[in-house]
Amino acid sequence: MKKKIIIILVICIILFILVGLYFRAGNIRRMIEKANYCEQDNECFVIDAGCPFGCGDYINKSEEQKLKKFISIAQLLHPTYLLYKCRCISKPSVAICENKKCVPSVCETGKYYASWECECPKGFISNINNKGMICKESIIEDFDTSGQPCQSDNDCWCQSFDGAKFYNERVPNRCNIEEGKCYTCYYE
């Protein structure tokens, strides 16, 4: 009788470990990446899974509930995930379907947006102020490395801005080592 109980306990412990391994952050990240598919714009959705899973990822709407369940289970099995402190790089809130993937919509330049609902076109930078967000032409494109690949903070910078005017100089920015990308520059 004792032998059966010990065997059952060992099997339960092994199953708990295997289930816990399945719900690791890396597996959840891969599930989120696989959920990014579409045929048309209205299928795209932004999910905010939080650290360490991702801060604003584009997925197919039909995958939302399944992913939220997996994230809840992962947080239950790994309560330390709730203690993660990381800086999130938010994504624009409106996504479109392009080449069967959900991607951020692109803003019109010179137009104010009430919220961060789109991404500025290449060569333009976002200026966020009390009116909202507007895409303005970058004086020199190399002054803003938002979203560019990086290996350290030395690879990242923003264009100098005093609240009214952009200057032809750089100010330091930070590298998100985990994602290998420079944080987004915010101009106020």
C-alpha atoms as a PDB file:
ATOM      1  CA  MET A   1       0.000   0.000   0.000  1.00  0.00           C
ATOM      2  CA  LYS A   2       2.788   2.424   0.949  1.00  0.00           C
ATOM      3  CA  LYS A   3       4.602   1.511  -2.257  1.00  0.00           C
ATOM      4  CA  LYS A   4       1.545   2.459  -4.361  1.00  0.00           C
ATOM      5  CA  ILE A   5       1.233   5.821  -2.594  1.00  0.00           C
ATOM      6  CA  ILE A   6       4.914   6.575  -3.159  1.00  0.00           C
ATOM      7  CA  ILE A   7       4.618   5.651  -6.860  1.00  0.00           C
ATOM      8  CA  ILE A   8       1.523   7.849  -7.256  1.00  0.00           C
ATOM      9  CA  LEU A   9       3.301  10.752  -5.510  1.00  0.00           C
ATOM     10  CA  VAL A  10       6.375  10.373  -7.733  1.00  0.00           C
ATOM     11  CA  ILE A  11       4.184  10.300 -10.859  1.00  0.00           C
ATOM     12  CA  CYS A  12       2.301  13.414  -9.666  1.00  0.00           C
ATOM     13  CA  ILE A  13       5.567  15.266  -8.988  1.00  0.00           C
ATOM     14  CA  ILE A  14       6.930  14.317 -12.427  1.00  0.00           C
ATOM     15  CA  LEU A  15       3.681  15.434 -14.115  1.00  0.00           C
ATOM     16  CA  PHE A  16       3.734  18.724 -12.190  1.00  0.00           C
ATOM     17  CA  ILE A  17       7.341  19.344 -13.293  1.00  0.00           C
ATOM     18  CA  LEU A  18       6.540  18.490 -16.930  1.00  0.00           C
ATOM     19  CA  VAL A  19       3.487  20.753 -16.946  1.00  0.00           C
ATOM     20  CA  GLY A  20       5.535  23.521 -15.324  1.00  0.00           C
ATOM     21  CA  LEU A  21       8.223  23.175 -17.990  1.00  0.00           C
ATOM     22  CA  TYR A  22       5.598  23.413 -20.726  1.00  0.00           C
ATOM     23  CA  PHE A  23       4.310  26.698 -19.314  1.00  0.00           C
ATOM     24  CA  ARG A  24       7.719  28.415 -19.188  1.00  0.00           C
ATOM     25  CA  ALA A  25       7.919  31.988 -20.478  1.00  0.00           C
ATOM     26  CA  GLY A  26       9.814  30.915 -23.610  1.00  0.00           C
ATOM     27  CA  ASN A  27       7.040  28.526 -24.633  1.00  0.00           C
ATOM     28  CA  ILE A  28       4.371  31.179 -24.033  1.00  0.00           C
ATOM     29  CA  ARG A  29       6.400  33.648 -26.164  1.00  0.00           C
ATOM     30  CA  ARG A  30       6.522  31.077 -28.997  1.00  0.00           C
ATOM     31  CA  MET A  31       2.752  30.547 -28.713  1.00  0.00           C
ATOM     32  CA  ILE A  32       2.205  34.306 -28.974  1.00  0.00           C
ATOM     33  CA  GLU A  33       4.475  34.473 -32.042  1.00  0.00           C
ATOM     34  CA  LYS A  34       2.603  31.578 -33.701  1.00  0.00           C
ATOM     35  CA  ALA A  35      -0.714  33.344 -32.993  1.00  0.00           C
ATOM     36  CA  ASN A  36       0.340  36.259 -35.236  1.00  0.00           C
ATOM     37  CA  TYR A  37      -1.401  35.361 -38.495  1.00  0.00           C
ATOM     38  CA  CYS A  38      -4.208  36.939 -40.482  1.00  0.00           C
ATOM     39  CA  GLU A  39      -6.054  37.239 -43.766  1.00  0.00           C
ATOM     40  CA  GLN A  40      -7.628  40.673 -43.150  1.00  0.00           C
ATOM     41  CA  ASP A  41      -7.168  43.684 -40.869  1.00  0.00           C
ATOM     42  CA  ASN A  42     -10.161  42.978 -38.596  1.00  0.00           C
ATOM     43  CA  GLU A  43      -8.562  39.700 -37.439  1.00  0.00           C
ATOM     44  CA  CYS A  44      -5.660  41.545 -35.803  1.00  0.00           C
ATOM     45  CA  PHE A  45      -5.615  42.270 -32.088  1.00  0.00           C
ATOM     46  CA  VAL A  46      -3.085  43.607 -29.563  1.00  0.00           C
ATOM     47  CA  ILE A  47      -2.661  41.409 -26.488  1.00  0.00           C
ATOM     48  CA  ASP A  48      -0.802  42.695 -23.434  1.00  0.00           C
ATOM     49  CA  ALA A  49       0.485  39.546 -21.781  1.00  0.00           C
ATOM     50  CA  GLY A  50       2.809  41.452 -19.443  1.00  0.00           C
ATOM     51  CA  CYS A  51       6.278  40.528 -18.246  1.00  0.00           C
ATOM     52  CA  PRO A  52       7.954  38.221 -19.018  1.00  0.00           C
ATOM     53  CA  PHE A  53       5.687  37.209 -21.895  1.00  0.00           C
ATOM     54  CA  GLY A  54       5.537  40.441 -23.861  1.00  0.00           C
ATOM     55  CA  CYS A  55       4.091  43.910 -23.704  1.00  0.00           C
ATOM     56  CA  GLY A  56       1.681  44.442 -26.536  1.00  0.00           C
ATOM     57  CA  ASP A  57       1.976  41.748 -29.178  1.00  0.00           C
ATOM     58  CA  TYR A  58      -0.086  41.378 -32.318  1.00  0.00           C
ATOM     59  CA  ILE A  59      -2.127  38.194 -32.588  1.00  0.00           C
ATOM     60  CA  ASN A  60      -5.165  36.826 -34.389  1.00  0.00           C
ATOM     61  CA  LYS A  61      -8.325  37.683 -32.378  1.00  0.00           C
ATOM     62  CA  SER A  62      -9.381  34.040 -32.402  1.00  0.00           C
ATOM     63  CA  GLU A  63      -6.289  33.127 -30.319  1.00  0.00           C
ATOM     64  CA  GLU A  64      -6.876  35.678 -27.536  1.00  0.00           C
ATOM     65  CA  GLN A  65      -8.867  33.564 -25.034  1.00  0.00           C
ATOM     66  CA  LYS A  66      -6.631  30.514 -25.452  1.00  0.00           C
ATOM     67  CA  LEU A  67      -3.482  32.586 -24.877  1.00  0.00           C
ATOM     68  CA  LYS A  68      -4.960  34.327 -21.831  1.00  0.00           C
ATOM     69  CA  LYS A  69      -5.737  30.911 -20.299  1.00  0.00           C
ATOM     70  CA  PHE A  70      -2.189  29.675 -20.941  1.00  0.00           C
ATOM     71  CA  ILE A  71      -0.750  32.876 -19.426  1.00  0.00           C
ATOM     72  CA  SER A  72      -2.957  32.507 -16.329  1.00  0.00           C
ATOM     73  CA  ILE A  73      -1.854  28.884 -15.890  1.00  0.00           C
ATOM     74  CA  ALA A  74       1.803  29.867 -16.340  1.00  0.00           C
ATOM     75  CA  GLN A  75       1.446  32.584 -13.675  1.00  0.00           C
ATOM     76  CA  LEU A  76      -0.205  30.082 -11.340  1.00  0.00           C
ATOM     77  CA  LEU A  77       2.552  27.485 -11.854  1.00  0.00           C
ATOM     78  CA  HIS A  78       5.342  30.085 -11.756  1.00  0.00           C
ATOM     79  CA  PRO A  79       4.237  32.782  -9.295  1.00  0.00           C
ATOM     80  CA  THR A  80       7.626  34.467  -9.681  1.00  0.00           C
ATOM     81  CA  TYR A  81       6.419  35.685 -13.104  1.00  0.00           C
ATOM     82  CA  LEU A  82       4.152  38.090 -11.215  1.00  0.00           C
ATOM     83  CA  LEU A  83       7.236  39.606  -9.566  1.00  0.00           C
ATOM     84  CA  TYR A  84       8.996  40.415 -12.848  1.00  0.00           C
ATOM     85  CA  LYS A  85       9.994  44.029 -13.133  1.00  0.00           C
ATOM     86  CA  CYS A  86      10.677  44.987 -16.703  1.00  0.00           C
ATOM     87  CA  ARG A  87      10.193  48.018 -18.847  1.00  0.00           C
ATOM     88  CA  CYS A  88       7.588  47.368 -21.506  1.00  0.00           C
ATOM     89  CA  ILE A  89       7.929  48.712 -24.999  1.00  0.00           C
ATOM     90  CA  SER A  90       4.309  49.294 -25.901  1.00  0.00           C
ATOM     91  CA  LYS A  91       3.098  48.745 -29.421  1.00  0.00           C
ATOM     92  CA  PRO A  92       0.650  50.909 -31.392  1.00  0.00           C
ATOM     93  CA  SER A  93      -2.928  49.928 -30.588  1.00  0.00           C
ATOM     94  CA  VAL A  94      -4.150  49.536 -34.187  1.00  0.00           C
ATOM     95  CA  ALA A  95      -2.838  46.631 -36.239  1.00  0.00           C
ATOM     96  CA  ILE A  96      -3.284  45.773 -39.902  1.00  0.00           C
ATOM     97  CA  CYS A  97      -2.801  42.551 -41.832  1.00  0.00           C
ATOM     98  CA  GLU A  98       0.240  42.652 -44.089  1.00  0.00           C
ATOM     99  CA  ASN A  99       1.765  39.571 -45.739  1.00  0.00           C
ATOM    100  CA  LYS A 100      -0.435  37.345 -43.523  1.00  0.00           C
ATOM    101  CA  LYS A 101       1.011  38.891 -40.319  1.00  0.00           C
ATOM    102  CA  CYS A 102      -0.459  41.494 -37.981  1.00  0.00           C
ATOM    103  CA  VAL A 103       1.726  44.601 -37.956  1.00  0.00           C
ATOM    104  CA  PRO A 104       1.274  48.147 -36.617  1.00  0.00           C
ATOM    105  CA  SER A 105      -0.668  50.550 -38.790  1.00  0.00           C
ATOM    106  CA  VAL A 106       1.349  53.458 -40.196  1.00  0.00           C
ATOM    107  CA  CYS A 107       0.432  57.045 -39.253  1.00  0.00           C
ATOM    108  CA  GLU A 108      -0.064  59.889 -41.678  1.00  0.00           C
ATOM    109  CA  THR A 109       2.666  62.445 -41.192  1.00  0.00           C
ATOM    110  CA  GLY A 110       1.692  65.836 -39.815  1.00  0.00           C
ATOM    111  CA  LYS A 111      -1.603  64.565 -38.357  1.00  0.00           C
ATOM    112  CA  TYR A 112      -2.281  64.478 -34.597  1.00  0.00           C
ATOM    113  CA  TYR A 113      -3.526  61.221 -33.068  1.00  0.00           C
ATOM    114  CA  ALA A 114      -5.256  61.164 -29.673  1.00  0.00           C
ATOM    115  CA  SER A 115      -3.374  58.027 -28.629  1.00  0.00           C
ATOM    116  CA  TRP A 116      -0.518  55.892 -29.839  1.00  0.00           C
ATOM    117  CA  GLU A 117      -2.541  53.996 -32.413  1.00  0.00           C
ATOM    118  CA  CYS A 118      -0.003  53.813 -35.239  1.00  0.00           C
ATOM    119  CA  GLU A 119       3.710  53.824 -35.992  1.00  0.00           C
ATOM    120  CA  CYS A 120       5.538  56.645 -37.719  1.00  0.00           C
ATOM    121  CA  PRO A 121       6.894  55.898 -41.205  1.00  0.00           C
ATOM    122  CA  LYS A 122      10.655  55.353 -41.629  1.00  0.00           C
ATOM    123  CA  GLY A 123      12.533  58.631 -41.396  1.00  0.00           C
ATOM    124  CA  PHE A 124       9.902  60.152 -39.091  1.00  0.00           C
ATOM    125  CA  ILE A 125       9.806  60.272 -35.308  1.00  0.00           C
ATOM    126  CA  SER A 126       6.853  60.491 -32.947  1.00  0.00           C
ATOM    127  CA  ASN A 127       6.399  63.657 -30.946  1.00  0.00           C
ATOM    128  CA  ILE A 128       4.067  63.083 -28.006  1.00  0.00           C
ATOM    129  CA  ASN A 129       2.697  66.207 -26.317  1.00  0.00           C
ATOM    130  CA  ASN A 130      -0.515  67.494 -24.709  1.00  0.00           C
ATOM    131  CA  LYS A 131      -2.285  67.503 -28.120  1.00  0.00           C
ATOM    132  CA  GLY A 132      -1.525  63.822 -28.705  1.00  0.00           C
ATOM    133  CA  MET A 133       0.994  62.197 -31.010  1.00  0.00           C
ATOM    134  CA  ILE A 134       2.259  63.474 -34.345  1.00  0.00           C
ATOM    135  CA  CYS A 135       4.875  62.084 -36.741  1.00  0.00           C
ATOM    136  CA  LYS A 136       7.505  64.648 -37.666  1.00  0.00           C
ATOM    137  CA  GLU A 137      10.355  64.275 -40.084  1.00  0.00           C
ATOM    138  CA  SER A 138      13.586  63.414 -38.330  1.00  0.00           C
ATOM    139  CA  ILE A 139      16.267  65.953 -39.150  1.00  0.00           C
ATOM    140  CA  ILE A 140      18.853  63.206 -39.316  1.00  0.00           C
ATOM    141  CA  GLU A 141      17.493  59.662 -39.253  1.00  0.00           C
ATOM    142  CA  ASP A 142      20.519  58.270 -37.378  1.00  0.00           C
ATOM    143  CA  PHE A 143      19.623  60.365 -34.319  1.00  0.00           C
ATOM    144  CA  ASP A 144      16.744  58.070 -33.342  1.00  0.00           C
ATOM    145  CA  THR A 145      17.466  54.350 -32.943  1.00  0.00           C
ATOM    146  CA  SER A 146      14.020  53.360 -31.564  1.00  0.00           C
ATOM    147  CA  GLY A 147      13.402  49.669 -32.197  1.00  0.00           C
ATOM    148  CA  GLN A 148      16.808  49.148 -33.841  1.00  0.00           C
ATOM    149  CA  PRO A 149      18.921  46.073 -32.956  1.00  0.00           C
ATOM    150  CA  CYS A 150      21.321  46.613 -30.055  1.00  0.00           C
ATOM    151  CA  GLN A 151      23.705  44.775 -27.776  1.00  0.00           C
ATOM    152  CA  SER A 152      24.248  47.490 -25.152  1.00  0.00           C
ATOM    153  CA  ASP A 153      23.112  51.000 -24.185  1.00  0.00           C
ATOM    154  CA  ASN A 154      26.011  52.350 -26.282  1.00  0.00           C
ATOM    155  CA  ASP A 155      24.072  51.325 -29.414  1.00  0.00           C
ATOM    156  CA  CYS A 156      20.969  53.405 -28.560  1.00  0.00           C
ATOM    157  CA  TRP A 157      20.179  57.107 -28.677  1.00  0.00           C
ATOM    158  CA  CYS A 158      17.386  59.599 -29.297  1.00  0.00           C
ATOM    159  CA  GLN A 159      17.337  62.926 -31.096  1.00  0.00           C
ATOM    160  CA  SER A 160      17.689  65.909 -28.774  1.00  0.00           C
ATOM    161  CA  PHE A 161      14.363  67.717 -28.266  1.00  0.00           C
ATOM    162  CA  ASP A 162      13.550  70.598 -25.896  1.00  0.00           C
ATOM    163  CA  GLY A 163       9.752  70.348 -26.071  1.00  0.00           C
ATOM    164  CA  ALA A 164       9.453  72.709 -29.027  1.00  0.00           C
ATOM    165  CA  LYS A 165      12.387  72.036 -31.348  1.00  0.00           C
ATOM    166  CA  PHE A 166      14.536  69.100 -32.474  1.00  0.00           C
ATOM    167  CA  TYR A 167      18.319  69.536 -32.547  1.00  0.00           C
ATOM    168  CA  ASN A 168      21.028  67.833 -34.618  1.00  0.00           C
ATOM    169  CA  GLU A 169      22.474  66.018 -31.622  1.00  0.00           C
ATOM    170  CA  ARG A 170      22.027  62.730 -29.797  1.00  0.00           C
ATOM    171  CA  VAL A 171      20.988  61.979 -26.243  1.00  0.00           C
ATOM    172  CA  PRO A 172      21.540  58.525 -24.682  1.00  0.00           C
ATOM    173  CA  ASN A 173      18.800  55.885 -24.784  1.00  0.00           C
ATOM    174  CA  ARG A 174      18.670  52.348 -23.346  1.00  0.00           C
ATOM    175  CA  CYS A 175      18.920  48.901 -24.920  1.00  0.00           C
ATOM    176  CA  ASN A 176      16.348  46.238 -24.059  1.00  0.00           C
ATOM    177  CA  ILE A 177      18.898  43.420 -23.830  1.00  0.00           C
ATOM    178  CA  GLU A 178      16.174  40.746 -23.549  1.00  0.00           C
ATOM    179  CA  GLU A 179      14.623  41.731 -26.904  1.00  0.00           C
ATOM    180  CA  GLY A 180      17.863  43.022 -28.448  1.00  0.00           C
ATOM    181  CA  LYS A 181      16.202  46.316 -29.471  1.00  0.00           C
ATOM    182  CA  CYS A 182      16.556  49.947 -28.424  1.00  0.00           C
ATOM    183  CA  TYR A 183      13.680  51.338 -26.372  1.00  0.00           C
ATOM    184  CA  THR A 184      11.319  53.758 -28.133  1.00  0.00           C
ATOM    185  CA  CYS A 185      12.256  57.428 -27.878  1.00  0.00           C
ATOM    186  CA  TYR A 186       9.522  59.633 -26.409  1.00  0.00           C
ATOM    187  CA  TYR A 187       9.478  63.345 -27.141  1.00  0.00           C
ATOM    188  CA  GLU A 188       7.437  65.705 -24.931  1.00  0.00           C
END
